[in-house]
N, C-alpha and C. Protein backbone atom coordinates (compact mmCIF):
# COMPACT_ATOMS: atom_id res chain seq x y z
N MET A 1 -24.18 8.28 7.63
CA MET A 1 -24.18 6.87 7.97
C MET A 1 -24.15 6.71 9.47
N THR A 2 -24.71 5.64 9.93
CA THR A 2 -24.83 5.38 11.36
C THR A 2 -23.63 4.58 11.88
N ASP A 3 -23.41 4.64 13.18
CA ASP A 3 -22.39 3.82 13.83
C ASP A 3 -23.00 2.49 14.24
N LEU A 4 -22.16 1.48 14.31
CA LEU A 4 -22.59 0.15 14.73
C LEU A 4 -21.82 -0.27 15.97
N LEU A 5 -22.41 -1.18 16.73
CA LEU A 5 -21.79 -1.72 17.93
C LEU A 5 -21.64 -3.23 17.77
N VAL A 6 -20.48 -3.74 18.15
CA VAL A 6 -20.20 -5.18 18.08
C VAL A 6 -19.78 -5.65 19.46
N LYS A 7 -20.39 -6.74 19.94
CA LYS A 7 -20.01 -7.35 21.22
C LYS A 7 -18.81 -8.28 20.96
N LEU A 8 -17.64 -7.83 21.28
CA LEU A 8 -16.44 -8.63 21.02
C LEU A 8 -16.40 -9.90 21.86
N TYR A 9 -16.92 -9.82 23.06
CA TYR A 9 -16.90 -10.98 23.96
C TYR A 9 -17.80 -12.11 23.47
N ALA A 10 -18.70 -11.80 22.53
CA ALA A 10 -19.63 -12.81 22.04
C ALA A 10 -19.19 -13.45 20.72
N LEU A 11 -18.08 -12.98 20.16
CA LEU A 11 -17.61 -13.50 18.87
C LEU A 11 -16.81 -14.78 19.02
N GLU A 12 -16.97 -15.65 18.04
CA GLU A 12 -16.17 -16.87 18.00
C GLU A 12 -14.81 -16.55 17.38
N ALA A 13 -13.82 -17.38 17.67
CA ALA A 13 -12.51 -17.22 17.05
C ALA A 13 -12.65 -17.33 15.53
N PRO A 14 -11.85 -16.59 14.78
CA PRO A 14 -11.98 -16.58 13.32
C PRO A 14 -11.36 -17.80 12.63
N THR A 15 -11.63 -18.97 13.12
CA THR A 15 -11.03 -20.21 12.63
C THR A 15 -11.35 -20.48 11.17
N ALA A 16 -12.61 -20.36 10.77
CA ALA A 16 -13.01 -20.67 9.39
C ALA A 16 -12.39 -19.70 8.40
N SER A 17 -12.40 -18.39 8.73
CA SER A 17 -11.81 -17.43 7.80
C SER A 17 -10.30 -17.60 7.71
N ARG A 18 -9.66 -18.00 8.81
CA ARG A 18 -8.21 -18.27 8.76
C ARG A 18 -7.92 -19.42 7.80
N ALA A 19 -8.72 -20.47 7.87
CA ALA A 19 -8.52 -21.62 6.98
C ALA A 19 -8.76 -21.22 5.53
N ALA A 20 -9.79 -20.43 5.28
CA ALA A 20 -10.09 -20.00 3.91
C ALA A 20 -8.96 -19.14 3.34
N MET A 21 -8.43 -18.25 4.16
CA MET A 21 -7.33 -17.40 3.68
C MET A 21 -6.07 -18.22 3.45
N ALA A 22 -5.79 -19.17 4.33
CA ALA A 22 -4.61 -20.04 4.14
C ALA A 22 -4.73 -20.81 2.83
N ALA A 23 -5.92 -21.33 2.54
CA ALA A 23 -6.14 -22.08 1.31
C ALA A 23 -5.97 -21.20 0.08
N ALA A 24 -6.26 -19.90 0.21
CA ALA A 24 -6.12 -18.96 -0.90
C ALA A 24 -4.73 -18.34 -0.98
N GLY A 25 -3.86 -18.71 -0.05
CA GLY A 25 -2.51 -18.16 -0.05
C GLY A 25 -2.43 -16.74 0.47
N VAL A 26 -3.45 -16.32 1.24
CA VAL A 26 -3.50 -14.96 1.78
C VAL A 26 -3.12 -15.00 3.26
N THR A 27 -2.22 -14.13 3.64
CA THR A 27 -1.83 -13.99 5.04
C THR A 27 -2.43 -12.71 5.59
N ILE A 28 -3.07 -12.81 6.74
CA ILE A 28 -3.57 -11.62 7.44
C ILE A 28 -2.77 -11.51 8.73
N ARG A 29 -2.14 -10.35 8.87
CA ARG A 29 -1.23 -10.17 10.01
C ARG A 29 -1.14 -8.69 10.37
N PRO A 30 -0.63 -8.42 11.57
CA PRO A 30 -0.37 -7.02 11.91
C PRO A 30 0.72 -6.46 11.00
N ALA A 31 0.54 -5.22 10.58
CA ALA A 31 1.57 -4.55 9.81
C ALA A 31 2.74 -4.21 10.73
N ILE A 32 3.90 -3.96 10.15
CA ILE A 32 5.07 -3.58 10.94
C ILE A 32 5.59 -2.22 10.47
N GLY A 33 6.33 -1.56 11.33
CA GLY A 33 6.81 -0.20 11.09
C GLY A 33 7.39 0.08 9.72
N PRO A 34 8.27 -0.77 9.20
CA PRO A 34 8.87 -0.46 7.89
C PRO A 34 7.86 -0.46 6.74
N GLU A 35 6.65 -0.94 6.99
CA GLU A 35 5.63 -0.97 5.95
C GLU A 35 4.73 0.27 5.94
N LYS A 36 4.95 1.18 6.90
CA LYS A 36 4.04 2.31 7.08
C LYS A 36 3.82 3.11 5.80
N ARG A 37 4.88 3.55 5.16
CA ARG A 37 4.71 4.37 3.96
C ARG A 37 4.06 3.59 2.83
N ALA A 38 4.47 2.36 2.65
CA ALA A 38 3.89 1.55 1.57
C ALA A 38 2.40 1.37 1.77
N VAL A 39 1.99 1.06 2.99
CA VAL A 39 0.56 0.86 3.27
C VAL A 39 -0.20 2.17 3.16
N ALA A 40 0.31 3.23 3.79
CA ALA A 40 -0.38 4.53 3.74
C ALA A 40 -0.49 5.05 2.31
N ASN A 41 0.55 4.88 1.52
CA ASN A 41 0.49 5.33 0.11
C ASN A 41 -0.53 4.52 -0.68
N TRP A 42 -0.55 3.22 -0.47
CA TRP A 42 -1.51 2.33 -1.14
C TRP A 42 -2.93 2.77 -0.81
N VAL A 43 -3.17 3.04 0.47
CA VAL A 43 -4.50 3.46 0.91
C VAL A 43 -4.86 4.83 0.32
N ALA A 44 -3.92 5.78 0.34
CA ALA A 44 -4.19 7.12 -0.20
C ALA A 44 -4.55 7.05 -1.68
N GLU A 45 -3.82 6.25 -2.43
CA GLU A 45 -4.06 6.13 -3.87
C GLU A 45 -5.44 5.56 -4.18
N ARG A 46 -5.90 4.64 -3.38
CA ARG A 46 -7.16 3.94 -3.67
C ARG A 46 -8.37 4.51 -2.92
N PHE A 47 -8.13 5.05 -1.71
CA PHE A 47 -9.26 5.40 -0.85
C PHE A 47 -9.19 6.80 -0.25
N GLY A 48 -8.16 7.56 -0.54
CA GLY A 48 -8.09 8.96 -0.11
C GLY A 48 -7.19 9.23 1.08
N ASP A 49 -6.94 10.53 1.25
CA ASP A 49 -6.04 10.99 2.31
C ASP A 49 -6.58 10.77 3.72
N GLY A 50 -7.91 10.86 3.88
CA GLY A 50 -8.49 10.68 5.22
C GLY A 50 -8.18 9.31 5.78
N TRP A 51 -8.42 8.28 4.97
CA TRP A 51 -8.13 6.93 5.44
C TRP A 51 -6.62 6.72 5.60
N ALA A 52 -5.83 7.31 4.72
CA ALA A 52 -4.37 7.18 4.84
C ALA A 52 -3.91 7.81 6.16
N SER A 53 -4.52 8.92 6.55
CA SER A 53 -4.18 9.55 7.83
C SER A 53 -4.49 8.63 9.00
N GLU A 54 -5.63 7.95 8.93
CA GLU A 54 -5.98 7.02 10.00
C GLU A 54 -5.01 5.84 10.05
N VAL A 55 -4.58 5.38 8.88
CA VAL A 55 -3.57 4.31 8.83
C VAL A 55 -2.30 4.76 9.53
N GLU A 56 -1.89 6.00 9.28
CA GLU A 56 -0.67 6.51 9.92
C GLU A 56 -0.81 6.56 11.44
N VAL A 57 -2.00 6.92 11.92
CA VAL A 57 -2.24 6.90 13.37
C VAL A 57 -2.14 5.47 13.89
N ALA A 58 -2.72 4.52 13.17
CA ALA A 58 -2.67 3.11 13.59
C ALA A 58 -1.23 2.60 13.67
N PHE A 59 -0.38 3.08 12.77
CA PHE A 59 1.03 2.68 12.80
C PHE A 59 1.77 3.31 13.98
N ALA A 60 1.26 4.42 14.51
CA ALA A 60 1.91 5.07 15.65
C ALA A 60 1.58 4.38 16.97
N ARG A 61 0.60 3.52 16.98
CA ARG A 61 0.21 2.80 18.19
C ARG A 61 1.14 1.61 18.42
N LEU A 62 1.30 1.24 19.67
CA LEU A 62 2.04 0.02 20.00
C LEU A 62 1.15 -0.86 20.84
N PRO A 63 0.81 -2.04 20.38
CA PRO A 63 1.21 -2.59 19.08
C PRO A 63 0.52 -1.85 17.94
N VAL A 64 1.12 -1.94 16.75
CA VAL A 64 0.52 -1.33 15.56
C VAL A 64 -0.91 -1.86 15.42
N SER A 65 -1.86 -0.95 15.24
CA SER A 65 -3.27 -1.36 15.18
C SER A 65 -3.79 -1.34 13.74
N CYS A 66 -2.97 -1.83 12.83
CA CYS A 66 -3.35 -1.98 11.43
C CYS A 66 -2.99 -3.40 11.01
N LEU A 67 -3.96 -4.11 10.49
CA LEU A 67 -3.71 -5.45 9.96
C LEU A 67 -3.75 -5.36 8.44
N VAL A 68 -2.95 -6.21 7.81
CA VAL A 68 -2.89 -6.23 6.35
C VAL A 68 -3.16 -7.63 5.83
N ALA A 69 -3.73 -7.68 4.63
CA ALA A 69 -3.92 -8.93 3.91
C ALA A 69 -2.91 -8.92 2.77
N VAL A 70 -2.07 -9.97 2.71
CA VAL A 70 -0.95 -10.00 1.77
C VAL A 70 -0.91 -11.36 1.08
N ARG A 71 -0.61 -11.32 -0.23
CA ARG A 71 -0.34 -12.56 -0.96
C ARG A 71 0.86 -12.29 -1.87
N ASP A 72 1.85 -13.14 -1.75
CA ASP A 72 3.06 -13.02 -2.57
C ASP A 72 3.66 -11.61 -2.52
N GLY A 73 3.68 -11.01 -1.35
CA GLY A 73 4.27 -9.69 -1.17
C GLY A 73 3.41 -8.53 -1.64
N ALA A 74 2.20 -8.81 -2.13
CA ALA A 74 1.31 -7.75 -2.60
C ALA A 74 0.23 -7.46 -1.57
N LEU A 75 -0.01 -6.19 -1.31
CA LEU A 75 -1.04 -5.78 -0.37
C LEU A 75 -2.40 -5.91 -1.05
N LEU A 76 -3.32 -6.63 -0.40
CA LEU A 76 -4.66 -6.86 -0.93
C LEU A 76 -5.72 -6.07 -0.19
N GLY A 77 -5.46 -5.74 1.07
CA GLY A 77 -6.42 -5.02 1.89
C GLY A 77 -5.84 -4.70 3.25
N PHE A 78 -6.59 -3.94 4.02
CA PHE A 78 -6.13 -3.53 5.34
C PHE A 78 -7.33 -3.30 6.24
N ALA A 79 -7.09 -3.28 7.53
CA ALA A 79 -8.10 -2.92 8.52
C ALA A 79 -7.39 -2.33 9.73
N CYS A 80 -7.94 -1.25 10.26
CA CYS A 80 -7.35 -0.58 11.42
C CYS A 80 -8.33 -0.58 12.59
N TYR A 81 -7.78 -0.33 13.76
CA TYR A 81 -8.61 -0.11 14.94
C TYR A 81 -7.90 0.88 15.84
N ASP A 82 -8.64 1.50 16.73
CA ASP A 82 -8.09 2.50 17.65
C ASP A 82 -7.37 3.62 16.90
N ALA A 83 -7.80 3.93 15.68
CA ALA A 83 -7.14 4.97 14.89
C ALA A 83 -7.78 6.34 15.13
N THR A 84 -9.06 6.46 14.88
CA THR A 84 -9.75 7.74 15.10
C THR A 84 -10.11 7.92 16.57
N ALA A 85 -10.50 6.85 17.21
CA ALA A 85 -10.84 6.88 18.63
C ALA A 85 -10.64 5.48 19.20
N ARG A 86 -10.35 5.40 20.47
CA ARG A 86 -10.22 4.10 21.12
C ARG A 86 -11.53 3.34 20.99
N GLY A 87 -11.41 2.07 20.67
CA GLY A 87 -12.58 1.23 20.57
C GLY A 87 -13.26 1.27 19.21
N PHE A 88 -12.73 2.08 18.28
CA PHE A 88 -13.30 2.15 16.94
C PHE A 88 -12.59 1.19 16.00
N PHE A 89 -13.38 0.47 15.21
CA PHE A 89 -12.87 -0.36 14.12
C PHE A 89 -12.92 0.48 12.85
N GLY A 90 -11.87 0.40 12.06
CA GLY A 90 -11.83 1.07 10.76
C GLY A 90 -10.80 2.17 10.74
N PRO A 91 -10.47 2.58 9.54
CA PRO A 91 -11.05 2.20 8.27
C PRO A 91 -10.58 0.81 7.83
N THR A 92 -11.27 0.28 6.85
CA THR A 92 -10.90 -1.01 6.28
C THR A 92 -11.33 -1.03 4.82
N ALA A 93 -10.56 -1.72 4.00
CA ALA A 93 -10.92 -1.85 2.59
C ALA A 93 -10.08 -2.96 1.96
N VAL A 94 -10.61 -3.47 0.87
CA VAL A 94 -9.93 -4.48 0.06
C VAL A 94 -9.79 -3.92 -1.35
N ASP A 95 -8.67 -4.21 -1.99
CA ASP A 95 -8.45 -3.78 -3.36
C ASP A 95 -9.67 -4.18 -4.20
N PRO A 96 -10.21 -3.28 -4.99
CA PRO A 96 -11.40 -3.60 -5.78
C PRO A 96 -11.27 -4.88 -6.62
N ASP A 97 -10.08 -5.17 -7.10
CA ASP A 97 -9.87 -6.39 -7.90
C ASP A 97 -9.89 -7.67 -7.07
N GLN A 98 -9.84 -7.54 -5.74
CA GLN A 98 -9.78 -8.70 -4.86
C GLN A 98 -11.06 -8.92 -4.05
N ARG A 99 -12.06 -8.11 -4.29
CA ARG A 99 -13.30 -8.22 -3.53
C ARG A 99 -14.08 -9.47 -3.91
N GLY A 100 -14.89 -9.92 -2.96
CA GLY A 100 -15.71 -11.11 -3.18
C GLY A 100 -14.98 -12.41 -2.93
N LYS A 101 -13.80 -12.35 -2.32
CA LYS A 101 -12.98 -13.54 -2.07
C LYS A 101 -12.84 -13.85 -0.58
N GLY A 102 -13.61 -13.13 0.26
CA GLY A 102 -13.57 -13.38 1.70
C GLY A 102 -12.50 -12.61 2.44
N ILE A 103 -11.73 -11.79 1.75
CA ILE A 103 -10.63 -11.06 2.39
C ILE A 103 -11.17 -10.02 3.37
N GLY A 104 -12.22 -9.30 2.98
CA GLY A 104 -12.80 -8.30 3.87
C GLY A 104 -13.35 -8.91 5.14
N GLU A 105 -14.04 -10.04 5.01
CA GLU A 105 -14.55 -10.73 6.19
C GLU A 105 -13.41 -11.19 7.09
N ALA A 106 -12.36 -11.75 6.50
CA ALA A 106 -11.23 -12.22 7.29
C ALA A 106 -10.53 -11.06 8.01
N LEU A 107 -10.35 -9.95 7.32
CA LEU A 107 -9.75 -8.77 7.97
C LEU A 107 -10.62 -8.29 9.12
N LEU A 108 -11.93 -8.24 8.91
CA LEU A 108 -12.84 -7.83 9.97
C LEU A 108 -12.72 -8.74 11.18
N ARG A 109 -12.81 -10.03 10.96
CA ARG A 109 -12.76 -10.99 12.08
C ARG A 109 -11.43 -10.93 12.82
N GLU A 110 -10.33 -10.87 12.08
CA GLU A 110 -9.01 -10.83 12.73
C GLU A 110 -8.79 -9.53 13.50
N THR A 111 -9.28 -8.43 12.95
CA THR A 111 -9.11 -7.15 13.62
C THR A 111 -9.94 -7.08 14.89
N LEU A 112 -11.17 -7.56 14.83
CA LEU A 112 -12.00 -7.59 16.04
C LEU A 112 -11.40 -8.51 17.09
N GLU A 113 -10.81 -9.61 16.65
CA GLU A 113 -10.12 -10.52 17.58
C GLU A 113 -8.93 -9.80 18.24
N ALA A 114 -8.19 -9.03 17.46
CA ALA A 114 -7.07 -8.26 18.03
C ALA A 114 -7.57 -7.24 19.04
N MET A 115 -8.69 -6.59 18.74
CA MET A 115 -9.26 -5.63 19.69
C MET A 115 -9.66 -6.32 20.99
N ARG A 116 -10.25 -7.49 20.86
CA ARG A 116 -10.64 -8.25 22.07
C ARG A 116 -9.41 -8.58 22.90
N HIS A 117 -8.34 -8.97 22.25
CA HIS A 117 -7.10 -9.31 22.96
C HIS A 117 -6.44 -8.07 23.60
N GLN A 118 -6.76 -6.89 23.08
CA GLN A 118 -6.25 -5.65 23.67
C GLN A 118 -7.10 -5.19 24.85
N GLY A 119 -8.18 -5.93 25.14
CA GLY A 119 -8.99 -5.61 26.31
C GLY A 119 -10.32 -4.93 26.02
N HIS A 120 -10.65 -4.75 24.75
CA HIS A 120 -11.94 -4.15 24.42
C HIS A 120 -13.05 -5.19 24.57
N ALA A 121 -14.18 -4.78 25.13
CA ALA A 121 -15.36 -5.65 25.22
C ALA A 121 -16.29 -5.40 24.05
N TYR A 122 -16.26 -4.18 23.53
CA TYR A 122 -17.11 -3.79 22.40
C TYR A 122 -16.24 -3.08 21.37
N ALA A 123 -16.71 -3.09 20.13
CA ALA A 123 -16.11 -2.29 19.07
C ALA A 123 -17.19 -1.43 18.46
N ILE A 124 -16.84 -0.22 18.12
CA ILE A 124 -17.73 0.67 17.39
C ILE A 124 -17.21 0.75 15.97
N ILE A 125 -18.11 0.54 15.02
CA ILE A 125 -17.77 0.70 13.61
C ILE A 125 -18.38 2.02 13.20
N GLY A 126 -17.54 3.04 13.07
CA GLY A 126 -18.01 4.39 12.80
C GLY A 126 -18.43 4.60 11.36
N ALA A 127 -19.56 5.26 11.18
CA ALA A 127 -20.09 5.59 9.84
C ALA A 127 -20.03 4.36 8.94
N ALA A 128 -20.58 3.28 9.44
CA ALA A 128 -20.44 1.97 8.79
C ALA A 128 -21.18 1.84 7.48
N GLY A 129 -20.59 1.09 6.61
CA GLY A 129 -21.24 0.72 5.36
C GLY A 129 -20.44 -0.40 4.72
N PRO A 130 -21.03 -1.38 4.14
CA PRO A 130 -22.47 -1.63 4.13
C PRO A 130 -22.93 -2.26 5.45
N ILE A 131 -23.97 -1.71 6.02
CA ILE A 131 -24.46 -2.14 7.33
C ILE A 131 -24.82 -3.62 7.33
N ALA A 132 -25.47 -4.11 6.29
CA ALA A 132 -25.90 -5.51 6.24
C ALA A 132 -24.72 -6.47 6.36
N PHE A 133 -23.58 -6.11 5.80
CA PHE A 133 -22.38 -6.94 5.89
C PHE A 133 -21.98 -7.13 7.36
N TYR A 134 -21.89 -6.04 8.09
CA TYR A 134 -21.48 -6.10 9.50
C TYR A 134 -22.52 -6.80 10.37
N GLU A 135 -23.80 -6.59 10.07
CA GLU A 135 -24.85 -7.27 10.82
C GLU A 135 -24.75 -8.78 10.61
N LYS A 136 -24.55 -9.20 9.38
CA LYS A 136 -24.49 -10.63 9.06
C LYS A 136 -23.23 -11.29 9.62
N ILE A 137 -22.08 -10.68 9.43
CA ILE A 137 -20.81 -11.32 9.75
C ILE A 137 -20.52 -11.33 11.25
N VAL A 138 -20.78 -10.21 11.94
CA VAL A 138 -20.40 -10.14 13.36
C VAL A 138 -21.53 -9.70 14.28
N GLY A 139 -22.77 -9.74 13.78
CA GLY A 139 -23.91 -9.40 14.63
C GLY A 139 -23.94 -7.96 15.08
N ALA A 140 -23.39 -7.05 14.29
CA ALA A 140 -23.38 -5.63 14.65
C ALA A 140 -24.80 -5.09 14.74
N THR A 141 -24.99 -4.15 15.65
CA THR A 141 -26.29 -3.49 15.80
C THR A 141 -26.10 -1.98 15.65
N GLN A 142 -27.10 -1.34 15.10
CA GLN A 142 -27.04 0.10 14.90
C GLN A 142 -27.17 0.83 16.23
N ILE A 143 -26.40 1.89 16.36
CA ILE A 143 -26.46 2.73 17.56
C ILE A 143 -27.42 3.89 17.25
N PRO A 144 -28.56 3.93 17.92
CA PRO A 144 -29.55 4.99 17.64
C PRO A 144 -28.96 6.39 17.81
N GLY A 145 -29.30 7.27 16.90
CA GLY A 145 -28.88 8.67 16.99
C GLY A 145 -27.42 8.91 16.69
N SER A 146 -26.74 7.96 16.07
CA SER A 146 -25.30 8.11 15.86
C SER A 146 -24.93 8.58 14.46
N THR A 147 -25.89 8.89 13.62
CA THR A 147 -25.58 9.34 12.27
C THR A 147 -24.72 10.59 12.33
N GLY A 148 -23.62 10.57 11.61
CA GLY A 148 -22.66 11.67 11.66
C GLY A 148 -21.62 11.47 12.75
N GLY A 149 -22.07 11.05 13.90
CA GLY A 149 -21.23 10.70 15.03
C GLY A 149 -19.95 11.50 15.16
N LEU A 150 -18.87 10.82 15.43
CA LEU A 150 -17.57 11.40 15.66
C LEU A 150 -17.06 12.19 14.46
N TYR A 151 -17.50 11.82 13.27
CA TYR A 151 -16.99 12.43 12.04
C TYR A 151 -17.75 13.70 11.64
N HIS A 152 -18.78 14.07 12.37
CA HIS A 152 -19.58 15.25 12.05
C HIS A 152 -18.68 16.50 12.05
N GLY A 153 -18.72 17.26 10.96
CA GLY A 153 -17.96 18.51 10.89
C GLY A 153 -16.48 18.34 10.61
N MET A 154 -16.06 17.13 10.25
CA MET A 154 -14.64 16.85 10.02
C MET A 154 -14.11 17.63 8.81
N ILE A 155 -12.90 18.15 8.92
CA ILE A 155 -12.22 18.81 7.80
C ILE A 155 -11.80 17.73 6.83
N ARG A 156 -12.08 17.91 5.56
CA ARG A 156 -11.75 16.92 4.56
C ARG A 156 -10.82 17.51 3.51
N SER A 157 -9.94 16.65 2.98
CA SER A 157 -9.09 17.09 1.88
C SER A 157 -9.83 16.86 0.56
N LYS A 158 -9.28 17.33 -0.52
CA LYS A 158 -9.92 17.18 -1.81
C LYS A 158 -9.92 15.74 -2.31
N THR A 159 -9.09 14.87 -1.72
CA THR A 159 -9.03 13.48 -2.17
C THR A 159 -9.94 12.57 -1.36
N ASP A 160 -10.69 13.10 -0.42
CA ASP A 160 -11.61 12.28 0.39
C ASP A 160 -13.00 12.27 -0.19
């Protein structure tokens, strides 16, 4: 899969997705330290050890670079940045039972907004998929010659 580039300085504030999430009773916010194991375990169970490892790195950053989508105390999805490399967005995912409700878009927009506030001008979405989603939502463009990119030759566990 190819890497994508997003111009953070050209994005609008995520006002519409914030309103949609509020109407649905979903809160998107930065995760906090005491949630590290719960979030990492949730991610490992659904998406594998590799992504859970990246979540743990995001929790080690200050400020924590993992955002969560929560409703009534239940984790619905997550998005990280600066986990594998500075300036990288991801990993991100929404519980399969909660997809199609705008949560993934809201997590993407809020996370990119957080990256912009941390001083990033651009975000790289590594080994992105689905590409059309990122192109449509945030105007991402493919980076020529980036297939495999940073993840080329990575050691993987059996759960990845």
